[in-house]
Amino acid sequence: MIRFVSLHQDSGAEIESTQYLYPIDDNGWLVDSPVTMFRYGRPQMLNSGNYYLKSESKQGKFATTGELQLQAGVTNVVTIEML
C-alpha cells in the first residue's frame, strides 16, 4: 500500500496533488504507462518495487520528481515537498 502527503515547502500547508508513478523494470527502463493516483491522502494498493515519481498540484503550479522504492507488507507513506 502507498499513501501520499504533499506539502508546500515554505508554509508546510497541505497541497492536493496528483501522482504519476512509472514502474522501473529490472533493466532500469521506465514503463510507458504510468499508474496514476487520484485519491489524495488515502492509502491505495500498489505492488512493491521501484518507481519513478512525477507529481503536480491540482492548480498545476507546483511539481516534483524522484525515485521511490516501495516495500512489501507495509503502508508506504511518501511525503512530498512541493516547490
PDB file of N, CA and C in Angstrom:
ATOM      1  N   MET A   1       0.835  -1.176   0.000  1.00  0.00           N
ATOM      2  CA  MET A   1       0.000   0.000   0.000  1.00  0.00           C
ATOM      3  C   MET A   1       0.882   1.242   0.000  1.00  0.00           C
ATOM      4  N   ILE A   2       0.286   2.331  -0.469  1.00  0.00           N
ATOM      5  CA  ILE A   2       1.012   3.591  -0.512  1.00  0.00           C
ATOM      6  C   ILE A   2       0.045   4.730  -0.203  1.00  0.00           C
ATOM      7  N   ARG A   3       0.570   5.737   0.472  1.00  0.00           N
ATOM      8  CA  ARG A   3      -0.212   6.943   0.757  1.00  0.00           C
ATOM      9  C   ARG A   3       0.702   8.141   0.563  1.00  0.00           C
ATOM     10  N   PHE A   4       0.201   9.163  -0.136  1.00  0.00           N
ATOM     11  CA  PHE A   4       0.972  10.369  -0.406  1.00  0.00           C
ATOM     12  C   PHE A   4       0.483  11.519   0.460  1.00  0.00           C
ATOM     13  N   VAL A   5       1.426  12.330   0.926  1.00  0.00           N
ATOM     14  CA  VAL A   5       1.137  13.573   1.628  1.00  0.00           C
ATOM     15  C   VAL A   5       1.976  14.641   0.944  1.00  0.00           C
ATOM     16  N   SER A   6       1.320  15.658   0.362  1.00  0.00           N
ATOM     17  CA  SER A   6       2.026  16.734  -0.328  1.00  0.00           C
ATOM     18  C   SER A   6       1.973  18.005   0.510  1.00  0.00           C
ATOM     19  N   LEU A   7       3.133  18.628   0.687  1.00  0.00           N
ATOM     20  CA  LEU A   7       3.232  19.838   1.500  1.00  0.00           C
ATOM     21  C   LEU A   7       3.916  20.942   0.713  1.00  0.00           C
ATOM     22  N   HIS A   8       3.487  22.193   0.955  1.00  0.00           N
ATOM     23  CA  HIS A   8       4.172  23.349   0.382  1.00  0.00           C
ATOM     24  C   HIS A   8       5.478  23.524   1.143  1.00  0.00           C
ATOM     25  N   GLN A   9       6.568  23.667   0.415  1.00  0.00           N
ATOM     26  CA  GLN A   9       7.884  23.689   1.044  1.00  0.00           C
ATOM     27  C   GLN A   9       8.071  24.862   2.011  1.00  0.00           C
ATOM     28  N   ASP A  10       7.542  26.029   1.684  1.00  0.00           N
ATOM     29  CA  ASP A  10       7.738  27.203   2.536  1.00  0.00           C
ATOM     30  C   ASP A  10       6.783  27.250   3.719  1.00  0.00           C
ATOM     31  N   SER A  11       5.487  27.033   3.462  1.00  0.00           N
ATOM     32  CA  SER A  11       4.490  27.208   4.525  1.00  0.00           C
ATOM     33  C   SER A  11       4.183  25.923   5.288  1.00  0.00           C
ATOM     34  N   GLY A  12       4.446  24.763   4.677  1.00  0.00           N
ATOM     35  CA  GLY A  12       4.123  23.493   5.316  1.00  0.00           C
ATOM     36  C   GLY A  12       2.660  23.102   5.178  1.00  0.00           C
ATOM     37  N   ALA A  13       1.874  23.906   4.458  1.00  0.00           N
ATOM     38  CA  ALA A  13       0.450  23.603   4.250  1.00  0.00           C
ATOM     39  C   ALA A  13       0.296  22.431   3.289  1.00  0.00           C
ATOM     40  N   GLU A  14      -0.746  21.630   3.510  1.00  0.00           N
ATOM     41  CA  GLU A  14      -1.005  20.509   2.605  1.00  0.00           C
ATOM     42  C   GLU A  14      -1.500  21.013   1.259  1.00  0.00           C
ATOM     43  N   ILE A  15      -1.093  20.328   0.206  1.00  0.00           N
ATOM     44  CA  ILE A  15      -1.486  20.659  -1.162  1.00  0.00           C
ATOM     45  C   ILE A  15      -2.099  19.416  -1.789  1.00  0.00           C
ATOM     46  N   GLU A  16      -3.303  19.547  -2.363  1.00  0.00           N
ATOM     47  CA  GLU A  16      -3.877  18.420  -3.100  1.00  0.00           C
ATOM     48  C   GLU A  16      -3.100  18.251  -4.391  1.00  0.00           C
ATOM     49  N   SER A  17      -2.751  17.010  -4.701  1.00  0.00           N
ATOM     50  CA  SER A  17      -1.910  16.769  -5.866  1.00  0.00           C
ATOM     51  C   SER A  17      -2.260  15.437  -6.513  1.00  0.00           C
ATOM     52  N   THR A  18      -1.753  15.274  -7.731  1.00  0.00           N
ATOM     53  CA  THR A  18      -1.905  14.029  -8.485  1.00  0.00           C
ATOM     54  C   THR A  18      -0.521  13.441  -8.683  1.00  0.00           C
ATOM     55  N   GLN A  19      -0.378  12.172  -8.385  1.00  0.00           N
ATOM     56  CA  GLN A  19       0.898  11.481  -8.530  1.00  0.00           C
ATOM     57  C   GLN A  19       0.844  10.548  -9.739  1.00  0.00           C
ATOM     58  N   TYR A  20       1.921  10.531 -10.504  1.00  0.00           N
ATOM     59  CA  TYR A  20       2.086   9.609 -11.623  1.00  0.00           C
ATOM     60  C   TYR A  20       3.297   8.742 -11.294  1.00  0.00           C
ATOM     61  N   LEU A  21       3.083   7.456 -11.156  1.00  0.00           N
ATOM     62  CA  LEU A  21       4.165   6.528 -10.842  1.00  0.00           C
ATOM     63  C   LEU A  21       4.450   5.664 -12.059  1.00  0.00           C
ATOM     64  N   TYR A  22       5.699   5.657 -12.488  1.00  0.00           N
ATOM     65  CA  TYR A  22       6.141   4.846 -13.616  1.00  0.00           C
ATOM     66  C   TYR A  22       6.974   3.693 -13.063  1.00  0.00           C
ATOM     67  N   PRO A  23       6.503   2.451 -13.195  1.00  0.00           N
ATOM     68  CA  PRO A  23       7.316   1.323 -12.730  1.00  0.00           C
ATOM     69  C   PRO A  23       8.662   1.276 -13.465  1.00  0.00           C
ATOM     70  N   ILE A  24       9.698   0.882 -12.746  1.00  0.00           N
ATOM     71  CA  ILE A  24      11.029   0.711 -13.320  1.00  0.00           C
ATOM     72  C   ILE A  24      11.283  -0.790 -13.429  1.00  0.00           C
ATOM     73  N   ASP A  25      11.595  -1.280 -14.644  1.00  0.00           N
ATOM     74  CA  ASP A  25      11.803  -2.715 -14.810  1.00  0.00           C
ATOM     75  C   ASP A  25      13.194  -3.127 -14.329  1.00  0.00           C
ATOM     76  N   ASP A  26      13.495  -4.432 -14.408  1.00  0.00           N
ATOM     77  CA  ASP A  26      14.768  -4.962 -13.914  1.00  0.00           C
ATOM     78  C   ASP A  26      15.985  -4.411 -14.655  1.00  0.00           C
ATOM     79  N   ASN A  27      15.772  -3.925 -15.889  1.00  0.00           N
ATOM     80  CA  ASN A  27      16.873  -3.360 -16.668  1.00  0.00           C
ATOM     81  C   ASN A  27      17.040  -1.858 -16.444  1.00  0.00           C
ATOM     82  N   GLY A  28      16.197  -1.271 -15.599  1.00  0.00           N
ATOM     83  CA  GLY A  28      16.301   0.157 -15.316  1.00  0.00           C
ATOM     84  C   GLY A  28      15.480   1.050 -16.230  1.00  0.00           C
ATOM     85  N   TRP A  29      14.651   0.448 -17.094  1.00  0.00           N
ATOM     86  CA  TRP A  29      13.821   1.230 -18.008  1.00  0.00           C
ATOM     87  C   TRP A  29      12.483   1.571 -17.358  1.00  0.00           C
ATOM     88  N   LEU A  30      11.935   2.739 -17.717  1.00  0.00           N
ATOM     89  CA  LEU A  30      10.611   3.126 -17.244  1.00  0.00           C
ATOM     90  C   LEU A  30       9.543   2.514 -18.131  1.00  0.00           C
ATOM     91  N   VAL A  31       8.472   2.031 -17.519  1.00  0.00           N
ATOM     92  CA  VAL A  31       7.320   1.535 -18.267  1.00  0.00           C
ATOM     93  C   VAL A  31       6.603   2.741 -18.857  1.00  0.00           C
ATOM     94  N   ASP A  32       6.093   2.620 -20.089  1.00  0.00           N
ATOM     95  CA  ASP A  32       5.478   3.753 -20.786  1.00  0.00           C
ATOM     96  C   ASP A  32       4.232   4.300 -20.101  1.00  0.00           C
ATOM     97  N   SER A  33       3.408   3.429 -19.539  1.00  0.00           N
ATOM     98  CA  SER A  33       2.142   3.858 -18.956  1.00  0.00           C
ATOM     99  C   SER A  33       2.278   4.039 -17.449  1.00  0.00           C
ATOM    100  N   PRO A  34       2.010   5.250 -16.949  1.00  0.00           N
ATOM    101  CA  PRO A  34       2.110   5.467 -15.505  1.00  0.00           C
ATOM    102  C   PRO A  34       0.906   4.899 -14.771  1.00  0.00           C
ATOM    103  N   VAL A  35       1.093   4.626 -13.497  1.00  0.00           N
ATOM    104  CA  VAL A  35      -0.002   4.296 -12.601  1.00  0.00           C
ATOM    105  C   VAL A  35      -0.385   5.631 -11.966  1.00  0.00           C
ATOM    106  N   THR A  36      -1.594   6.121 -12.201  1.00  0.00           N
ATOM    107  CA  THR A  36      -1.997   7.435 -11.711  1.00  0.00           C
ATOM    108  C   THR A  36      -2.752   7.290 -10.408  1.00  0.00           C
ATOM    109  N   MET A  37      -2.403   8.101  -9.429  1.00  0.00           N
ATOM    110  CA  MET A  37      -3.046   8.072  -8.122  1.00  0.00           C
ATOM    111  C   MET A  37      -3.875   9.337  -7.966  1.00  0.00           C
ATOM    112  N   PHE A  38      -5.178   9.200  -7.806  1.00  0.00           N
ATOM    113  CA  PHE A  38      -6.017  10.384  -7.675  1.00  0.00           C
ATOM    114  C   PHE A  38      -6.477  10.643  -6.255  1.00  0.00           C
ATOM    115  N   ARG A  39      -6.569   9.624  -5.428  1.00  0.00           N
ATOM    116  CA  ARG A  39      -7.119   9.780  -4.081  1.00  0.00           C
ATOM    117  C   ARG A  39      -6.065  10.358  -3.153  1.00  0.00           C
ATOM    118  N   TYR A  40      -6.061  11.643  -3.020  1.00  0.00           N
ATOM    119  CA  TYR A  40      -5.063  12.311  -2.200  1.00  0.00           C
ATOM    120  C   TYR A  40      -5.240  11.950  -0.727  1.00  0.00           C
ATOM    121  N   GLY A  41      -4.165  11.527  -0.072  1.00  0.00           N
ATOM    122  CA  GLY A  41      -4.176  11.268   1.359  1.00  0.00           C
ATOM    123  C   GLY A  41      -4.735   9.941   1.798  1.00  0.00           C
ATOM    124  N   ARG A  42      -5.285   9.156   0.885  1.00  0.00           N
ATOM    125  CA  ARG A  42      -5.839   7.843   1.254  1.00  0.00           C
ATOM    126  C   ARG A  42      -4.901   6.737   0.791  1.00  0.00           C
ATOM    127  N   PRO A  43      -4.749   5.688   1.595  1.00  0.00           N
ATOM    128  CA  PRO A  43      -3.903   4.566   1.169  1.00  0.00           C
ATOM    129  C   PRO A  43      -4.497   3.863  -0.053  1.00  0.00           C
ATOM    130  N   GLN A  44      -3.640   3.421  -0.952  1.00  0.00           N
ATOM    131  CA  GLN A  44      -4.062   2.673  -2.132  1.00  0.00           C
ATOM    132  C   GLN A  44      -3.161   1.465  -2.309  1.00  0.00           C
ATOM    133  N   MET A  45      -3.724   0.431  -2.905  1.00  0.00           N
ATOM    134  CA  MET A  45      -2.957  -0.784  -3.175  1.00  0.00           C
ATOM    135  C   MET A  45      -2.043  -0.564  -4.373  1.00  0.00           C
ATOM    136  N   LEU A  46      -0.795  -0.984  -4.229  1.00  0.00           N
ATOM    137  CA  LEU A  46       0.180  -0.881  -5.304  1.00  0.00           C
ATOM    138  C   LEU A  46       1.264  -1.912  -5.046  1.00  0.00           C
ATOM    139  N   ASN A  47       1.728  -2.560  -6.094  1.00  0.00           N
ATOM    140  CA  ASN A  47       2.784  -3.558  -5.944  1.00  0.00           C
ATOM    141  C   ASN A  47       4.062  -2.928  -5.417  1.00  0.00           C
ATOM    142  N   SER A  48       4.799  -3.679  -4.621  1.00  0.00           N
ATOM    143  CA  SER A  48       6.107  -3.203  -4.165  1.00  0.00           C
ATOM    144  C   SER A  48       7.051  -3.173  -5.361  1.00  0.00           C
ATOM    145  N   GLY A  49       8.136  -2.433  -5.224  1.00  0.00           N
ATOM    146  CA  GLY A  49       9.112  -2.338  -6.302  1.00  0.00           C
ATOM    147  C   GLY A  49       9.620  -0.924  -6.457  1.00  0.00           C
ATOM    148  N   ASN A  50      10.328  -0.678  -7.552  1.00  0.00           N
ATOM    149  CA  ASN A  50      10.924   0.628  -7.830  1.00  0.00           C
ATOM    150  C   ASN A  50      10.046   1.404  -8.807  1.00  0.00           C
ATOM    151  N   TYR A  51       9.867   2.698  -8.518  1.00  0.00           N
ATOM    152  CA  TYR A  51       9.024   3.559  -9.334  1.00  0.00           C
ATOM    153  C   TYR A  51       9.692   4.911  -9.513  1.00  0.00           C
ATOM    154  N   TYR A  52       9.412   5.548 -10.649  1.00  0.00           N
ATOM    155  CA  TYR A  52       9.780   6.934 -10.874  1.00  0.00           C
ATOM    156  C   TYR A  52       8.530   7.758 -10.625  1.00  0.00           C
ATOM    157  N   LEU A  53       8.633   8.823  -9.848  1.00  0.00           N
ATOM    158  CA  LEU A  53       7.501   9.635  -9.433  1.00  0.00           C
ATOM    159  C   LEU A  53       7.510  10.987 -10.131  1.00  0.00           C
ATOM    160  N   LYS A  54       6.353  11.369 -10.662  1.00  0.00           N
ATOM    161  CA  LYS A  54       6.095  12.740 -11.098  1.00  0.00           C
ATOM    162  C   LYS A  54       4.836  13.160 -10.367  1.00  0.00           C
ATOM    163  N   SER A  55       4.856  14.336  -9.782  1.00  0.00           N
ATOM    164  CA  SER A  55       3.718  14.802  -9.001  1.00  0.00           C
ATOM    165  C   SER A  55       3.471  16.263  -9.318  1.00  0.00           C
ATOM    166  N   GLU A  56       2.180  16.653  -9.392  1.00  0.00           N
ATOM    167  CA  GLU A  56       1.841  18.051  -9.603  1.00  0.00           C
ATOM    168  C   GLU A  56       0.633  18.416  -8.762  1.00  0.00           C
ATOM    169  N   SER A  57       0.589  19.687  -8.355  1.00  0.00           N
ATOM    170  CA  SER A  57      -0.554  20.138  -7.565  1.00  0.00           C
ATOM    171  C   SER A  57      -1.774  20.256  -8.470  1.00  0.00           C
ATOM    172  N   LYS A  58      -2.953  20.255  -7.866  1.00  0.00           N
ATOM    173  CA  LYS A  58      -4.179  20.379  -8.649  1.00  0.00           C
ATOM    174  C   LYS A  58      -4.224  21.704  -9.397  1.00  0.00           C
ATOM    175  N   GLN A  59      -3.591  22.755  -8.860  1.00  0.00           N
ATOM    176  CA  GLN A  59      -3.556  24.042  -9.542  1.00  0.00           C
ATOM    177  C   GLN A  59      -2.524  24.055 -10.671  1.00  0.00           C
ATOM    178  N   GLY A  60      -1.654  23.051 -10.699  1.00  0.00           N
ATOM    179  CA  GLY A  60      -0.631  22.958 -11.733  1.00  0.00           C
ATOM    180  C   GLY A  60       0.547  23.888 -11.518  1.00  0.00           C
ATOM    181  N   LYS A  61       0.626  24.524 -10.353  1.00  0.00           N
ATOM    182  CA  LYS A  61       1.691  25.495 -10.095  1.00  0.00           C
ATOM    183  C   LYS A  61       2.925  24.864  -9.460  1.00  0.00           C
ATOM    184  N   PHE A  62       2.776  23.709  -8.843  1.00  0.00           N
ATOM    185  CA  PHE A  62       3.874  23.081  -8.132  1.00  0.00           C
ATOM    186  C   PHE A  62       4.087  21.670  -8.666  1.00  0.00           C
ATOM    187  N   ALA A  63       5.354  21.243  -8.715  1.00  0.00           N
ATOM    188  CA  ALA A  63       5.659  19.905  -9.219  1.00  0.00           C
ATOM    189  C   ALA A  63       6.898  19.362  -8.530  1.00  0.00           C
ATOM    190  N   THR A  64       7.054  18.040  -8.571  1.00  0.00           N
ATOM    191  CA  THR A  64       8.249  17.394  -8.034  1.00  0.00           C
ATOM    192  C   THR A  64       8.453  16.063  -8.751  1.00  0.00           C
ATOM    193  N   THR A  65       9.684  15.555  -8.749  1.00  0.00           N
ATOM    194  CA  THR A  65      10.006  14.265  -9.346  1.00  0.00           C
ATOM    195  C   THR A  65      10.967  13.523  -8.435  1.00  0.00           C
ATOM    196  N   GLY A  66      11.120  12.231  -8.662  1.00  0.00           N
ATOM    197  CA  GLY A  66      12.075  11.449  -7.893  1.00  0.00           C
ATOM    198  C   GLY A  66      11.844   9.967  -8.060  1.00  0.00           C
ATOM    199  N   GLU A  67      12.665   9.160  -7.421  1.00  0.00           N
ATOM    200  CA  GLU A  67      12.527   7.701  -7.455  1.00  0.00           C
ATOM    201  C   GLU A  67      12.081   7.193  -6.097  1.00  0.00           C
ATOM    202  N   LEU A  68      11.255   6.141  -6.115  1.00  0.00           N
ATOM    203  CA  LEU A  68      10.743   5.516  -4.898  1.00  0.00           C
ATOM    204  C   LEU A  68      11.040   4.036  -4.920  1.00  0.00           C
ATOM    205  N   GLN A  69      11.287   3.471  -3.763  1.00  0.00           N
ATOM    206  CA  GLN A  69      11.375   2.025  -3.612  1.00  0.00           C
ATOM    207  C   GLN A  69      10.327   1.636  -2.584  1.00  0.00           C
ATOM    208  N   LEU A  70       9.244   0.996  -3.054  1.00  0.00           N
ATOM    209  CA  LEU A  70       8.137   0.622  -2.177  1.00  0.00           C
ATOM    210  C   LEU A  70       8.381  -0.752  -1.580  1.00  0.00           C
ATOM    211  N   GLN A  71       8.176  -0.857  -0.270  1.00  0.00           N
ATOM    212  CA  GLN A  71       8.373  -2.105   0.454  1.00  0.00           C
ATOM    213  C   GLN A  71       7.083  -2.916   0.480  1.00  0.00           C
ATOM    214  N   ALA A  72       7.205  -4.222   0.543  1.00  0.00           N
ATOM    215  CA  ALA A  72       6.044  -5.119   0.617  1.00  0.00           C
ATOM    216  C   ALA A  72       5.599  -5.283   2.066  1.00  0.00           C
ATOM    217  N   GLY A  73       4.294  -5.469   2.272  1.00  0.00           N
ATOM    218  CA  GLY A  73       3.763  -5.799   3.586  1.00  0.00           C
ATOM    219  C   GLY A  73       3.568  -4.635   4.538  1.00  0.00           C
ATOM    220  N   VAL A  74       3.788  -3.399   4.082  1.00  0.00           N
ATOM    221  CA  VAL A  74       3.608  -2.222   4.930  1.00  0.00           C
ATOM    222  C   VAL A  74       2.895  -1.136   4.117  1.00  0.00           C
ATOM    223  N   THR A  75       2.393  -0.106   4.801  1.00  0.00           N
ATOM    224  CA  THR A  75       1.882   1.063   4.108  1.00  0.00           C
ATOM    225  C   THR A  75       3.031   2.043   3.953  1.00  0.00           C
ATOM    226  N   ASN A  76       3.424   2.291   2.715  1.00  0.00           N
ATOM    227  CA  ASN A  76       4.495   3.232   2.409  1.00  0.00           C
ATOM    228  C   ASN A  76       3.902   4.633   2.405  1.00  0.00           C
ATOM    229  N   VAL A  77       4.354   5.494   3.310  1.00  0.00           N
ATOM    230  CA  VAL A  77       3.886   6.873   3.361  1.00  0.00           C
ATOM    231  C   VAL A  77       4.956   7.743   2.716  1.00  0.00           C
ATOM    232  N   VAL A  78       4.578   8.442   1.659  1.00  0.00           N
ATOM    233  CA  VAL A  78       5.513   9.281   0.908  1.00  0.00           C
ATOM    234  C   VAL A  78       5.135  10.735   1.140  1.00  0.00           C
ATOM    235  N   THR A  79       6.044  11.496   1.722  1.00  0.00           N
ATOM    236  CA  THR A  79       5.825  12.922   1.950  1.00  0.00           C
ATOM    237  C   THR A  79       6.544  13.691   0.844  1.00  0.00           C
ATOM    238  N   ILE A  80       5.789  14.530   0.140  1.00  0.00           N
ATOM    239  CA  ILE A  80       6.322  15.285  -0.994  1.00  0.00           C
ATOM    240  C   ILE A  80       6.330  16.759  -0.627  1.00  0.00           C
ATOM    241  N   GLU A  81       7.475  17.398  -0.777  1.00  0.00           N
ATOM    242  CA  GLU A  81       7.548  18.849  -0.598  1.00  0.00           C
ATOM    243  C   GLU A  81       7.503  19.499  -1.977  1.00  0.00           C
ATOM    244  N   MET A  82       6.451  20.279  -2.202  1.00  0.00           N
ATOM    245  CA  MET A  82       6.285  20.966  -3.481  1.00  0.00           C
ATOM    246  C   MET A  82       6.981  22.318  -3.438  1.00  0.00           C
ATOM    247  N   LEU A  83       7.701  22.634  -4.503  1.00  0.00           N
ATOM    248  CA  LEU A  83       8.407  23.927  -4.586  1.00  0.00           C
ATOM    249  C   LEU A  83       7.493  25.009  -5.092  1.00  0.00           C
TER     250      LEU A  83
END
